[in-house]
Amino acid sequence: MEMVRTAVLLPFDKQQRELLEAAGKGRCAFSYIDLEKGREERLKRLVEAEIIFGEPTLAEIWQCPRLRWLQTSFAGVDRYTMAEGFPSQKVMLTNARGCFGTVIAEYIVAVILELSRNLKQYALLQQKACFRPLGFEMLLFGKHILILGAGDIGTAAAKRLKAFGTYLTGMRRTERNYPDCFDEMITEEGLESALSKADIVVGCLPATEKTRGLLNLERLHQMKKGAFLINVGRGNLIDTKALTAVLEEGWLGGAALDVTDPEPLPEEHPLWKMEQVILTPHIAGVSFGYSKDTENRILHICCQNLERYLTRKELLNRVNFSEGYVSEL
């Protein structure tokens, strides 16, 4: 029986590798590739692979004639779906949807509380040994939260935010089959009305041509004055120039951005110095080297899909290239 050559770019530890190999049931020849190795040595191992776990470059994919399936460790795969030339006719692409809901939801709760209770400003005052109450703070109880993207991550956030006594509206392509943690579900047609009612807007959308610039200057001004904007999906959801303008004029109460457009922001960009803005370096969904729980979730998807691939079953989380993400059931 011919072995299925499998290249692994993910930094699995010894125990994780053993579990992946067990899922291969002796039918795979695994090659673990050190990301620090030179490009030539890395490519030499990739070109033989029928399966790749990880994130090769598009140029590397085109030099892999035997490749039939790419399993990424990310939920967002716009680096492939929005780039020209991915060989989607012969290579199946699956993502790690379902692995990041917990970790990103906790980030969302953390930054909302940081904004609503002025914790960033108090941390700055602490550095100056300054004992000064700042006055206005916002309680989450009774507030209206709009979550753009009611998939795995958006739903995980909604479940946790519901415990604060909030009213939750989700936005997805269709209104059907939405989870009980949402009080209502809208499509993009209802976005303007929902923006005007929300105290907090959370972006959890993938990067597609349809979501690019969705929150432009007009829509940012449709948000309630003093509202907070959180973005953990992709930076190009928001027109950065427009966001800077509405924050400078005091229309929005604050923003927390784990993703930006461009990413990273130039050092001289005014968002860096705004007290009402929280900027983090795309760490809301930490995994390898940061969160063993998330690592193991990714490993579980890899193992499940490897077993499915070897038995010719439909793969989990297969990306629909016409939509740019995994289609909702």
C-alpha atoms as a PDB file:
ATOM      1  CA  MET A   1       0.000   0.000   0.000  1.00  0.00           C
ATOM      2  CA  GLU A   2       1.413   3.373  -1.009  1.00  0.00           C
ATOM      3  CA  MET A   3       1.917   5.744   1.909  1.00  0.00           C
ATOM      4  CA  VAL A   4       0.192   9.130   1.899  1.00  0.00           C
ATOM      5  CA  ARG A   5       2.929  11.744   2.168  1.00  0.00           C
ATOM      6  CA  THR A   6       1.930  14.271   4.799  1.00  0.00           C
ATOM      7  CA  ALA A   7       3.838  17.489   5.552  1.00  0.00           C
ATOM      8  CA  VAL A   8       3.298  19.131   8.942  1.00  0.00           C
ATOM      9  CA  LEU A   9       4.204  22.803   9.308  1.00  0.00           C
ATOM     10  CA  LEU A  10       2.475  23.146  12.684  1.00  0.00           C
ATOM     11  CA  PRO A  11       4.711  23.060  15.803  1.00  0.00           C
ATOM     12  CA  PHE A  12       3.040  20.063  17.449  1.00  0.00           C
ATOM     13  CA  ASP A  13       4.840  18.648  20.489  1.00  0.00           C
ATOM     14  CA  LYS A  14       5.808  14.975  20.847  1.00  0.00           C
ATOM     15  CA  GLN A  15       2.490  13.882  22.361  1.00  0.00           C
ATOM     16  CA  GLN A  16       0.473  15.808  19.767  1.00  0.00           C
ATOM     17  CA  ARG A  17       2.510  14.246  16.948  1.00  0.00           C
ATOM     18  CA  GLU A  18       1.813  10.791  18.340  1.00  0.00           C
ATOM     19  CA  LEU A  19      -1.931  11.474  18.318  1.00  0.00           C
ATOM     20  CA  LEU A  20      -1.776  12.766  14.738  1.00  0.00           C
ATOM     21  CA  GLU A  21       0.177   9.704  13.641  1.00  0.00           C
ATOM     22  CA  ALA A  22      -2.352   7.441  15.376  1.00  0.00           C
ATOM     23  CA  ALA A  23      -5.086   9.105  13.311  1.00  0.00           C
ATOM     24  CA  GLY A  24      -3.060   8.223  10.211  1.00  0.00           C
ATOM     25  CA  LYS A  25      -3.423   4.522  11.111  1.00  0.00           C
ATOM     26  CA  GLY A  26      -0.044   3.625   9.637  1.00  0.00           C
ATOM     27  CA  ARG A  27      -1.029   4.858   6.176  1.00  0.00           C
ATOM     28  CA  CYS A  28       0.779   8.208   6.254  1.00  0.00           C
ATOM     29  CA  ALA A  29       4.444   9.096   5.941  1.00  0.00           C
ATOM     30  CA  PHE A  30       4.796  12.210   8.114  1.00  0.00           C
ATOM     31  CA  SER A  31       7.394  14.903   7.532  1.00  0.00           C
ATOM     32  CA  TYR A  32       7.648  17.518  10.288  1.00  0.00           C
ATOM     33  CA  ILE A  33       9.078  20.728   8.908  1.00  0.00           C
ATOM     34  CA  ASP A  34      10.962  23.182  11.112  1.00  0.00           C
ATOM     35  CA  LEU A  35       9.723  26.652  10.193  1.00  0.00           C
ATOM     36  CA  GLU A  36      13.176  28.048  10.951  1.00  0.00           C
ATOM     37  CA  LYS A  37      14.776  25.964   8.206  1.00  0.00           C
ATOM     38  CA  GLY A  38      15.728  27.583   4.934  1.00  0.00           C
ATOM     39  CA  ARG A  39      13.223  27.966   2.111  1.00  0.00           C
ATOM     40  CA  GLU A  40      14.907  25.392  -0.129  1.00  0.00           C
ATOM     41  CA  GLU A  41      14.911  22.632   2.489  1.00  0.00           C
ATOM     42  CA  ARG A  42      11.335  23.415   3.472  1.00  0.00           C
ATOM     43  CA  LEU A  43      10.162  23.329  -0.159  1.00  0.00           C
ATOM     44  CA  LYS A  44      12.022  20.063  -0.785  1.00  0.00           C
ATOM     45  CA  ARG A  45       9.760  18.371   1.758  1.00  0.00           C
ATOM     46  CA  LEU A  46       6.576  20.139   0.746  1.00  0.00           C
ATOM     47  CA  VAL A  47       6.704  19.251  -2.954  1.00  0.00           C
ATOM     48  CA  GLU A  48       6.195  15.547  -2.229  1.00  0.00           C
ATOM     49  CA  ALA A  49       3.134  16.084  -0.003  1.00  0.00           C
ATOM     50  CA  GLU A  50      -0.415  15.010  -0.759  1.00  0.00           C
ATOM     51  CA  ILE A  51      -1.549  16.581   2.536  1.00  0.00           C
ATOM     52  CA  ILE A  52      -0.219  19.693   4.257  1.00  0.00           C
ATOM     53  CA  PHE A  53      -1.091  20.749   7.808  1.00  0.00           C
ATOM     54  CA  GLY A  54      -0.288  24.428   8.284  1.00  0.00           C
ATOM     55  CA  GLU A  55       0.023  27.572   6.221  1.00  0.00           C
ATOM     56  CA  PRO A  56       2.338  27.311   3.216  1.00  0.00           C
ATOM     57  CA  THR A  57       2.665  30.330   0.964  1.00  0.00           C
ATOM     58  CA  LEU A  58       0.712  30.446  -2.276  1.00  0.00           C
ATOM     59  CA  ALA A  59       4.016  30.231  -4.176  1.00  0.00           C
ATOM     60  CA  GLU A  60       4.862  27.039  -2.284  1.00  0.00           C
ATOM     61  CA  ILE A  61       1.428  25.541  -3.005  1.00  0.00           C
ATOM     62  CA  TRP A  62       1.941  26.040  -6.730  1.00  0.00           C
ATOM     63  CA  GLN A  63       5.150  24.000  -6.511  1.00  0.00           C
ATOM     64  CA  CYS A  64       3.365  21.057  -4.859  1.00  0.00           C
ATOM     65  CA  PRO A  65       1.939  19.046  -7.801  1.00  0.00           C
ATOM     66  CA  ARG A  66       0.769  16.166  -5.585  1.00  0.00           C
ATOM     67  CA  LEU A  67      -1.093  18.321  -3.066  1.00  0.00           C
ATOM     68  CA  ARG A  68      -4.758  17.394  -2.692  1.00  0.00           C
ATOM     69  CA  TRP A  69      -5.692  18.766   0.735  1.00  0.00           C
ATOM     70  CA  LEU A  70      -4.537  21.706   2.857  1.00  0.00           C
ATOM     71  CA  GLN A  71      -5.661  21.893   6.508  1.00  0.00           C
ATOM     72  CA  THR A  72      -4.904  25.263   8.073  1.00  0.00           C
ATOM     73  CA  SER A  73      -4.614  26.095  11.761  1.00  0.00           C
ATOM     74  CA  PHE A  74      -6.513  29.370  11.287  1.00  0.00           C
ATOM     75  CA  ALA A  75     -10.223  30.098  11.121  1.00  0.00           C
ATOM     76  CA  GLY A  76      -9.667  32.920   8.628  1.00  0.00           C
ATOM     77  CA  VAL A  77      -8.295  31.764   5.283  1.00  0.00           C
ATOM     78  CA  ASP A  78      -8.495  34.993   3.272  1.00  0.00           C
ATOM     79  CA  ARG A  79      -4.769  34.682   2.474  1.00  0.00           C
ATOM     80  CA  TYR A  80      -5.925  31.909   0.113  1.00  0.00           C
ATOM     81  CA  THR A  81      -9.520  32.751  -0.781  1.00  0.00           C
ATOM     82  CA  MET A  82      -8.854  36.396  -1.624  1.00  0.00           C
ATOM     83  CA  ALA A  83      -5.608  35.760  -3.488  1.00  0.00           C
ATOM     84  CA  GLU A  84      -5.530  34.938  -7.156  1.00  0.00           C
ATOM     85  CA  GLY A  85      -4.210  31.560  -8.102  1.00  0.00           C
ATOM     86  CA  PHE A  86      -5.145  29.127  -5.339  1.00  0.00           C
ATOM     87  CA  PRO A  87      -5.674  25.781  -7.163  1.00  0.00           C
ATOM     88  CA  SER A  88      -9.135  25.203  -5.690  1.00  0.00           C
ATOM     89  CA  GLN A  89     -10.109  22.837  -8.504  1.00  0.00           C
ATOM     90  CA  LYS A  90      -7.638  20.208  -7.308  1.00  0.00           C
ATOM     91  CA  VAL A  91      -6.816  21.171  -3.700  1.00  0.00           C
ATOM     92  CA  MET A  92      -9.385  20.997  -0.899  1.00  0.00           C
ATOM     93  CA  LEU A  93      -8.995  23.720   1.742  1.00  0.00           C
ATOM     94  CA  THR A  94     -10.226  23.214   5.311  1.00  0.00           C
ATOM     95  CA  ASN A  95      -9.887  25.610   8.223  1.00  0.00           C
ATOM     96  CA  ALA A  96      -9.869  25.447  12.028  1.00  0.00           C
ATOM     97  CA  ARG A  97     -13.383  26.766  12.521  1.00  0.00           C
ATOM     98  CA  GLY A  98     -14.638  25.811  15.981  1.00  0.00           C
ATOM     99  CA  CYS A  99     -11.233  26.059  17.659  1.00  0.00           C
ATOM    100  CA  PHE A 100     -11.217  29.753  18.566  1.00  0.00           C
ATOM    101  CA  GLY A 101     -14.671  30.516  19.950  1.00  0.00           C
ATOM    102  CA  THR A 102     -13.680  30.208  23.610  1.00  0.00           C
ATOM    103  CA  VAL A 103     -10.397  32.121  23.508  1.00  0.00           C
ATOM    104  CA  ILE A 104     -11.680  34.987  21.332  1.00  0.00           C
ATOM    105  CA  ALA A 105     -14.936  35.277  23.290  1.00  0.00           C
ATOM    106  CA  GLU A 106     -12.938  35.806  26.477  1.00  0.00           C
ATOM    107  CA  TYR A 107     -10.910  38.523  24.741  1.00  0.00           C
ATOM    108  CA  ILE A 108     -14.128  40.257  23.641  1.00  0.00           C
ATOM    109  CA  VAL A 109     -15.488  40.250  27.193  1.00  0.00           C
ATOM    110  CA  ALA A 110     -12.154  41.517  28.538  1.00  0.00           C
ATOM    111  CA  VAL A 111     -11.879  44.533  26.237  1.00  0.00           C
ATOM    112  CA  ILE A 112     -15.547  45.459  26.606  1.00  0.00           C
ATOM    113  CA  LEU A 113     -15.087  45.593  30.382  1.00  0.00           C
ATOM    114  CA  GLU A 114     -11.823  47.505  29.932  1.00  0.00           C
ATOM    115  CA  LEU A 115     -13.591  50.140  27.838  1.00  0.00           C
ATOM    116  CA  SER A 116     -16.776  50.331  29.880  1.00  0.00           C
ATOM    117  CA  ARG A 117     -14.997  50.654  33.243  1.00  0.00           C
ATOM    118  CA  ASN A 118     -12.146  52.932  32.070  1.00  0.00           C
ATOM    119  CA  LEU A 119      -9.539  50.337  33.072  1.00  0.00           C
ATOM    120  CA  LYS A 120      -6.975  51.469  30.491  1.00  0.00           C
ATOM    121  CA  GLN A 121      -7.147  55.041  31.783  1.00  0.00           C
ATOM    122  CA  TYR A 122      -6.870  53.875  35.395  1.00  0.00           C
ATOM    123  CA  ALA A 123      -3.772  51.831  34.484  1.00  0.00           C
ATOM    124  CA  LEU A 124      -2.197  54.988  33.052  1.00  0.00           C
ATOM    125  CA  LEU A 125      -3.084  56.927  36.216  1.00  0.00           C
ATOM    126  CA  GLN A 126      -1.553  54.164  38.330  1.00  0.00           C
ATOM    127  CA  GLN A 127       1.779  54.678  36.566  1.00  0.00           C
ATOM    128  CA  LYS A 128       1.653  58.297  37.745  1.00  0.00           C
ATOM    129  CA  ALA A 129       0.558  57.317  41.295  1.00  0.00           C
ATOM    130  CA  CYS A 130      -2.540  59.406  40.641  1.00  0.00           C
ATOM    131  CA  PHE A 131      -5.641  58.625  42.779  1.00  0.00           C
ATOM    132  CA  ARG A 132      -8.421  60.216  40.700  1.00  0.00           C
ATOM    133  CA  PRO A 133     -11.850  58.787  39.871  1.00  0.00           C
ATOM    134  CA  LEU A 134     -12.673  59.399  36.215  1.00  0.00           C
ATOM    135  CA  GLY A 135     -16.418  59.696  36.623  1.00  0.00           C
ATOM    136  CA  PHE A 136     -18.642  58.095  33.979  1.00  0.00           C
ATOM    137  CA  GLU A 137     -18.557  54.333  33.598  1.00  0.00           C
ATOM    138  CA  MET A 138     -20.937  52.071  31.700  1.00  0.00           C
ATOM    139  CA  LEU A 139     -22.551  48.931  33.074  1.00  0.00           C
ATOM    140  CA  LEU A 140     -23.188  46.104  30.642  1.00  0.00           C
ATOM    141  CA  PHE A 141     -26.522  45.249  32.244  1.00  0.00           C
ATOM    142  CA  GLY A 142     -29.381  46.214  29.952  1.00  0.00           C
ATOM    143  CA  LYS A 143     -27.119  47.254  27.084  1.00  0.00           C
ATOM    144  CA  HIS A 144     -27.745  46.343  23.432  1.00  0.00           C
ATOM    145  CA  ILE A 145     -24.891  44.499  21.727  1.00  0.00           C
ATOM    146  CA  LEU A 146     -24.738  43.908  17.974  1.00  0.00           C
ATOM    147  CA  ILE A 147     -22.467  41.051  16.849  1.00  0.00           C
ATOM    148  CA  LEU A 148     -21.527  41.113  13.180  1.00  0.00           C
ATOM    149  CA  GLY A 149     -20.914  37.482  12.298  1.00  0.00           C
ATOM    150  CA  ALA A 150     -22.957  35.000  14.314  1.00  0.00           C
ATOM    151  CA  GLY A 151     -20.856  31.928  13.582  1.00  0.00           C
ATOM    152  CA  ASP A 152     -18.713  29.989  16.040  1.00  0.00           C
ATOM    153  CA  ILE A 153     -16.851  33.003  17.462  1.00  0.00           C
ATOM    154  CA  GLY A 154     -19.808  35.378  17.496  1.00  0.00           C
ATOM    155  CA  THR A 155     -22.027  32.789  19.162  1.00  0.00           C
ATOM    156  CA  ALA A 156     -19.386  31.974  21.792  1.00  0.00           C
ATOM    157  CA  ALA A 157     -19.176  35.679  22.619  1.00  0.00           C
ATOM    158  CA  ALA A 158     -22.968  36.014  22.744  1.00  0.00           C
ATOM    159  CA  LYS A 159     -23.271  33.150  25.249  1.00  0.00           C
ATOM    160  CA  ARG A 160     -20.879  34.871  27.632  1.00  0.00           C
ATOM    161  CA  LEU A 161     -22.244  38.385  27.166  1.00  0.00           C
ATOM    162  CA  LYS A 162     -25.786  37.142  27.767  1.00  0.00           C
ATOM    163  CA  ALA A 163     -24.814  36.447  31.388  1.00  0.00           C
ATOM    164  CA  PHE A 164     -24.359  40.215  31.904  1.00  0.00           C
ATOM    165  CA  GLY A 165     -28.030  40.853  31.177  1.00  0.00           C
ATOM    166  CA  THR A 166     -27.519  42.282  27.707  1.00  0.00           C
ATOM    167  CA  TYR A 167     -29.790  42.280  24.657  1.00  0.00           C
ATOM    168  CA  LEU A 168     -28.030  40.578  21.763  1.00  0.00           C
ATOM    169  CA  THR A 169     -28.581  41.039  18.044  1.00  0.00           C
ATOM    170  CA  GLY A 170     -26.595  38.944  15.600  1.00  0.00           C
ATOM    171  CA  MET A 171     -25.993  39.517  11.898  1.00  0.00           C
ATOM    172  CA  ARG A 172     -25.447  36.687   9.441  1.00  0.00           C
ATOM    173  CA  ARG A 173     -26.273  35.930   5.817  1.00  0.00           C
ATOM    174  CA  THR A 174     -29.621  34.355   6.747  1.00  0.00           C
ATOM    175  CA  GLU A 175     -31.878  34.692   9.778  1.00  0.00           C
ATOM    176  CA  ARG A 176     -32.662  30.979  10.102  1.00  0.00           C
ATOM    177  CA  ASN A 177     -31.591  28.619  12.865  1.00  0.00           C
ATOM    178  CA  TYR A 178     -29.987  31.176  15.151  1.00  0.00           C
ATOM    179  CA  PRO A 179     -28.876  30.132  18.657  1.00  0.00           C
ATOM    180  CA  ASP A 180     -30.975  30.920  21.739  1.00  0.00           C
ATOM    181  CA  CYS A 181     -28.295  33.229  23.160  1.00  0.00           C
ATOM    182  CA  PHE A 182     -29.308  35.821  20.546  1.00  0.00           C
ATOM    183  CA  ASP A 183     -32.475  37.830  21.087  1.00  0.00           C
ATOM    184  CA  GLU A 184     -32.786  38.530  17.379  1.00  0.00           C
ATOM    185  CA  MET A 185     -30.976  37.911  14.122  1.00  0.00           C
ATOM    186  CA  ILE A 186     -30.690  40.247  11.150  1.00  0.00           C
ATOM    187  CA  THR A 187     -29.137  40.153   7.704  1.00  0.00           C
ATOM    188  CA  GLU A 188     -27.147  42.997   6.148  1.00  0.00           C
ATOM    189  CA  GLU A 189     -30.405  44.620   5.030  1.00  0.00           C
ATOM    190  CA  GLY A 190     -31.140  45.470   8.665  1.00  0.00           C
ATOM    191  CA  LEU A 191     -27.647  46.697   9.531  1.00  0.00           C
ATOM    192  CA  GLU A 192     -28.269  50.450   9.520  1.00  0.00           C
ATOM    193  CA  SER A 193     -31.207  50.193  11.905  1.00  0.00           C
ATOM    194  CA  ALA A 194     -29.323  47.811  14.203  1.00  0.00           C
ATOM    195  CA  LEU A 195     -26.251  50.068  14.307  1.00  0.00           C
ATOM    196  CA  SER A 196     -28.345  52.984  15.539  1.00  0.00           C
ATOM    197  CA  LYS A 197     -29.636  50.955  18.503  1.00  0.00           C
ATOM    198  CA  ALA A 198     -26.469  49.223  19.654  1.00  0.00           C
ATOM    199  CA  ASP A 199     -24.360  50.376  22.599  1.00  0.00           C
ATOM    200  CA  ILE A 200     -21.591  48.001  21.546  1.00  0.00           C
ATOM    201  CA  VAL A 201     -20.799  46.616  18.073  1.00  0.00           C
ATOM    202  CA  VAL A 202     -18.547  43.558  17.765  1.00  0.00           C
ATOM    203  CA  GLY A 203     -16.999  42.556  14.424  1.00  0.00           C
ATOM    204  CA  CYS A 204     -16.430  38.790  14.018  1.00  0.00           C
ATOM    205  CA  LEU A 205     -16.669  38.595  10.239  1.00  0.00           C
ATOM    206  CA  PRO A 206     -14.222  36.884   7.887  1.00  0.00           C
ATOM    207  CA  ALA A 207     -12.519  38.844   5.129  1.00  0.00           C
ATOM    208  CA  THR A 208     -14.472  38.559   1.887  1.00  0.00           C
ATOM    209  CA  GLU A 209     -15.250  40.975  -0.921  1.00  0.00           C
ATOM    210  CA  LYS A 210     -18.698  41.482   0.646  1.00  0.00           C
ATOM    211  CA  THR A 211     -17.357  42.373   4.099  1.00  0.00           C
ATOM    212  CA  ARG A 212     -14.527  44.656   2.948  1.00  0.00           C
ATOM    213  CA  GLY A 213     -15.247  48.210   4.162  1.00  0.00           C
ATOM    214  CA  LEU A 214     -18.664  47.241   5.545  1.00  0.00           C
ATOM    215  CA  LEU A 215     -18.214  49.771   8.342  1.00  0.00           C
ATOM    216  CA  ASN A 216     -17.491  52.878   6.289  1.00  0.00           C
ATOM    217  CA  LEU A 217     -17.832  56.519   7.355  1.00  0.00           C
ATOM    218  CA  GLU A 218     -21.577  56.574   6.771  1.00  0.00           C
ATOM    219  CA  ARG A 219     -22.217  53.423   8.797  1.00  0.00           C
ATOM    220  CA  LEU A 220     -19.878  54.478  11.605  1.00  0.00           C
ATOM    221  CA  HIS A 221     -21.918  57.659  11.923  1.00  0.00           C
ATOM    222  CA  GLN A 222     -25.072  55.539  12.022  1.00  0.00           C
ATOM    223  CA  MET A 223     -23.794  54.024  15.258  1.00  0.00           C
ATOM    224  CA  LYS A 224     -25.174  55.404  18.492  1.00  0.00           C
ATOM    225  CA  LYS A 225     -23.152  58.355  19.815  1.00  0.00           C
ATOM    226  CA  GLY A 226     -20.781  57.132  22.511  1.00  0.00           C
ATOM    227  CA  ALA A 227     -20.996  53.477  21.425  1.00  0.00           C
ATOM    228  CA  PHE A 228     -18.038  51.104  21.551  1.00  0.00           C
ATOM    229  CA  LEU A 229     -16.657  49.226  18.539  1.00  0.00           C
ATOM    230  CA  ILE A 230     -14.761  45.944  18.904  1.00  0.00           C
ATOM    231  CA  ASN A 231     -13.111  44.120  15.983  1.00  0.00           C
ATOM    232  CA  VAL A 232     -11.651  40.601  16.219  1.00  0.00           C
ATOM    233  CA  GLY A 233     -12.440  39.365  12.677  1.00  0.00           C
ATOM    234  CA  ARG A 234     -10.419  41.017   9.948  1.00  0.00           C
ATOM    235  CA  GLY A 235      -9.136  44.574   9.806  1.00  0.00           C
ATOM    236  CA  ASN A 236     -10.620  45.452   6.426  1.00  0.00           C
ATOM    237  CA  LEU A 237     -14.144  45.243   7.864  1.00  0.00           C
ATOM    238  CA  ILE A 238     -13.591  48.847   8.998  1.00  0.00           C
ATOM    239  CA  ASP A 239     -12.479  51.868   6.987  1.00  0.00           C
ATOM    240  CA  THR A 240      -9.539  52.867   9.202  1.00  0.00           C
ATOM    241  CA  LYS A 241      -9.461  56.482   8.025  1.00  0.00           C
ATOM    242  CA  ALA A 242     -13.165  56.823   8.747  1.00  0.00           C
ATOM    243  CA  LEU A 243     -12.822  55.209  12.180  1.00  0.00           C
ATOM    244  CA  THR A 244      -9.999  57.581  13.074  1.00  0.00           C
ATOM    245  CA  ALA A 245     -12.193  60.531  12.082  1.00  0.00           C
ATOM    246  CA  VAL A 246     -15.250  59.489  14.119  1.00  0.00           C
ATOM    247  CA  LEU A 247     -13.074  58.825  17.167  1.00  0.00           C
ATOM    248  CA  GLU A 248     -11.314  62.176  16.854  1.00  0.00           C
ATOM    249  CA  GLU A 249     -14.630  63.994  16.640  1.00  0.00           C
ATOM    250  CA  GLY A 250     -15.885  62.152  19.739  1.00  0.00           C
ATOM    251  CA  TRP A 251     -18.746  60.352  18.005  1.00  0.00           C
ATOM    252  CA  LEU A 252     -17.738  56.925  19.303  1.00  0.00           C
ATOM    253  CA  GLY A 253     -16.939  56.294  22.948  1.00  0.00           C
ATOM    254  CA  GLY A 254     -14.046  53.952  22.203  1.00  0.00           C
ATOM    255  CA  ALA A 255     -12.735  51.047  20.186  1.00  0.00           C
ATOM    256  CA  ALA A 256     -10.822  47.818  20.773  1.00  0.00           C
ATOM    257  CA  LEU A 257      -9.010  46.531  17.708  1.00  0.00           C
ATOM    258  CA  ASP A 258      -7.179  43.237  17.599  1.00  0.00           C
ATOM    259  CA  VAL A 259      -7.051  43.519  13.805  1.00  0.00           C
ATOM    260  CA  THR A 260      -6.468  46.601  11.672  1.00  0.00           C
ATOM    261  CA  ASP A 261      -6.130  47.694   8.073  1.00  0.00           C
ATOM    262  CA  PRO A 262      -3.221  47.925   7.418  1.00  0.00           C
ATOM    263  CA  GLU A 263      -1.804  45.448   9.905  1.00  0.00           C
ATOM    264  CA  PRO A 264       0.246  46.467  11.747  1.00  0.00           C
ATOM    265  CA  LEU A 265      -0.606  50.145  11.745  1.00  0.00           C
ATOM    266  CA  PRO A 266       2.245  52.520  10.898  1.00  0.00           C
ATOM    267  CA  GLU A 267       4.027  53.758  14.039  1.00  0.00           C
ATOM    268  CA  GLU A 268       2.894  57.323  13.390  1.00  0.00           C
ATOM    269  CA  HIS A 269      -0.812  56.406  13.057  1.00  0.00           C
ATOM    270  CA  PRO A 270      -3.007  58.492  15.418  1.00  0.00           C
ATOM    271  CA  LEU A 271      -4.913  55.430  16.696  1.00  0.00           C
ATOM    272  CA  TRP A 272      -1.829  54.380  18.673  1.00  0.00           C
ATOM    273  CA  LYS A 273      -2.034  57.434  20.905  1.00  0.00           C
ATOM    274  CA  MET A 274      -5.801  57.613  21.510  1.00  0.00           C
ATOM    275  CA  GLU A 275      -6.700  56.961  25.156  1.00  0.00           C
ATOM    276  CA  GLN A 276     -10.105  55.578  24.170  1.00  0.00           C
ATOM    277  CA  VAL A 277      -8.576  52.970  21.837  1.00  0.00           C
ATOM    278  CA  ILE A 278      -7.231  49.538  22.777  1.00  0.00           C
ATOM    279  CA  LEU A 279      -4.853  48.047  20.199  1.00  0.00           C
ATOM    280  CA  THR A 280      -3.549  44.484  20.431  1.00  0.00           C
ATOM    281  CA  PRO A 281      -1.318  42.621  17.928  1.00  0.00           C
ATOM    282  CA  HIS A 282      -3.791  40.073  16.520  1.00  0.00           C
ATOM    283  CA  ILE A 283      -3.669  37.915  19.660  1.00  0.00           C
ATOM    284  CA  ALA A 284      -7.366  37.433  20.460  1.00  0.00           C
ATOM    285  CA  GLY A 285      -7.185  33.912  19.027  1.00  0.00           C
ATOM    286  CA  VAL A 286      -3.830  32.823  20.437  1.00  0.00           C
ATOM    287  CA  SER A 287      -2.860  29.215  19.825  1.00  0.00           C
ATOM    288  CA  PHE A 288       0.594  27.648  19.390  1.00  0.00           C
ATOM    289  CA  GLY A 289       2.964  28.696  22.137  1.00  0.00           C
ATOM    290  CA  TYR A 290       0.227  30.543  24.019  1.00  0.00           C
ATOM    291  CA  SER A 291      -2.811  28.342  24.601  1.00  0.00           C
ATOM    292  CA  LYS A 292      -2.486  24.566  24.924  1.00  0.00           C
ATOM    293  CA  ASP A 293      -6.283  24.273  24.944  1.00  0.00           C
ATOM    294  CA  THR A 294      -6.535  25.936  21.533  1.00  0.00           C
ATOM    295  CA  GLU A 295      -3.596  23.893  20.233  1.00  0.00           C
ATOM    296  CA  ASN A 296      -5.383  20.691  21.183  1.00  0.00           C
ATOM    297  CA  ARG A 297      -8.595  21.839  19.531  1.00  0.00           C
ATOM    298  CA  ILE A 298      -6.658  22.399  16.307  1.00  0.00           C
ATOM    299  CA  LEU A 299      -5.032  18.982  16.678  1.00  0.00           C
ATOM    300  CA  HIS A 300      -8.466  17.396  17.140  1.00  0.00           C
ATOM    301  CA  ILE A 301      -9.701  18.910  13.857  1.00  0.00           C
ATOM    302  CA  CYS A 302      -6.540  17.702  12.103  1.00  0.00           C
ATOM    303  CA  CYS A 303      -6.988  14.167  13.447  1.00  0.00           C
ATOM    304  CA  GLN A 304     -10.698  14.026  12.629  1.00  0.00           C
ATOM    305  CA  ASN A 305     -10.142  15.237   9.099  1.00  0.00           C
ATOM    306  CA  LEU A 306      -7.163  12.966   8.524  1.00  0.00           C
ATOM    307  CA  GLU A 307      -9.283   9.938   9.431  1.00  0.00           C
ATOM    308  CA  ARG A 308     -12.036  11.226   7.130  1.00  0.00           C
ATOM    309  CA  TYR A 309      -9.622  11.825   4.266  1.00  0.00           C
ATOM    310  CA  LEU A 310      -8.177   8.326   4.516  1.00  0.00           C
ATOM    311  CA  THR A 311     -11.656   6.768   4.505  1.00  0.00           C
ATOM    312  CA  ARG A 312     -12.884   9.085   1.721  1.00  0.00           C
ATOM    313  CA  LYS A 313     -15.489  10.808   3.886  1.00  0.00           C
ATOM    314  CA  GLU A 314     -16.469  14.460   3.525  1.00  0.00           C
ATOM    315  CA  LEU A 315     -14.014  16.721   5.338  1.00  0.00           C
ATOM    316  CA  LEU A 316     -15.060  18.988   8.181  1.00  0.00           C
ATOM    317  CA  ASN A 317     -14.751  22.763   7.719  1.00  0.00           C
ATOM    318  CA  ARG A 318     -14.276  22.662   3.968  1.00  0.00           C
ATOM    319  CA  VAL A 319     -14.015  26.214   2.669  1.00  0.00           C
ATOM    320  CA  ASN A 320     -16.419  27.364  -0.014  1.00  0.00           C
ATOM    321  CA  PHE A 321     -14.321  29.527  -2.341  1.00  0.00           C
ATOM    322  CA  SER A 322     -17.323  31.336  -3.794  1.00  0.00           C
ATOM    323  CA  GLU A 323     -18.156  32.608  -0.288  1.00  0.00           C
ATOM    324  CA  GLY A 324     -14.673  32.734   1.204  1.00  0.00           C
ATOM    325  CA  TYR A 325     -15.427  30.714   4.329  1.00  0.00           C
ATOM    326  CA  VAL A 326     -17.074  27.516   5.603  1.00  0.00           C
ATOM    327  CA  SER A 327     -20.747  27.584   4.644  1.00  0.00           C
ATOM    328  CA  GLU A 328     -23.230  27.567   7.517  1.00  0.00           C
ATOM    329  CA  LEU A 329     -25.502  24.571   7.762  1.00  0.00           C
END
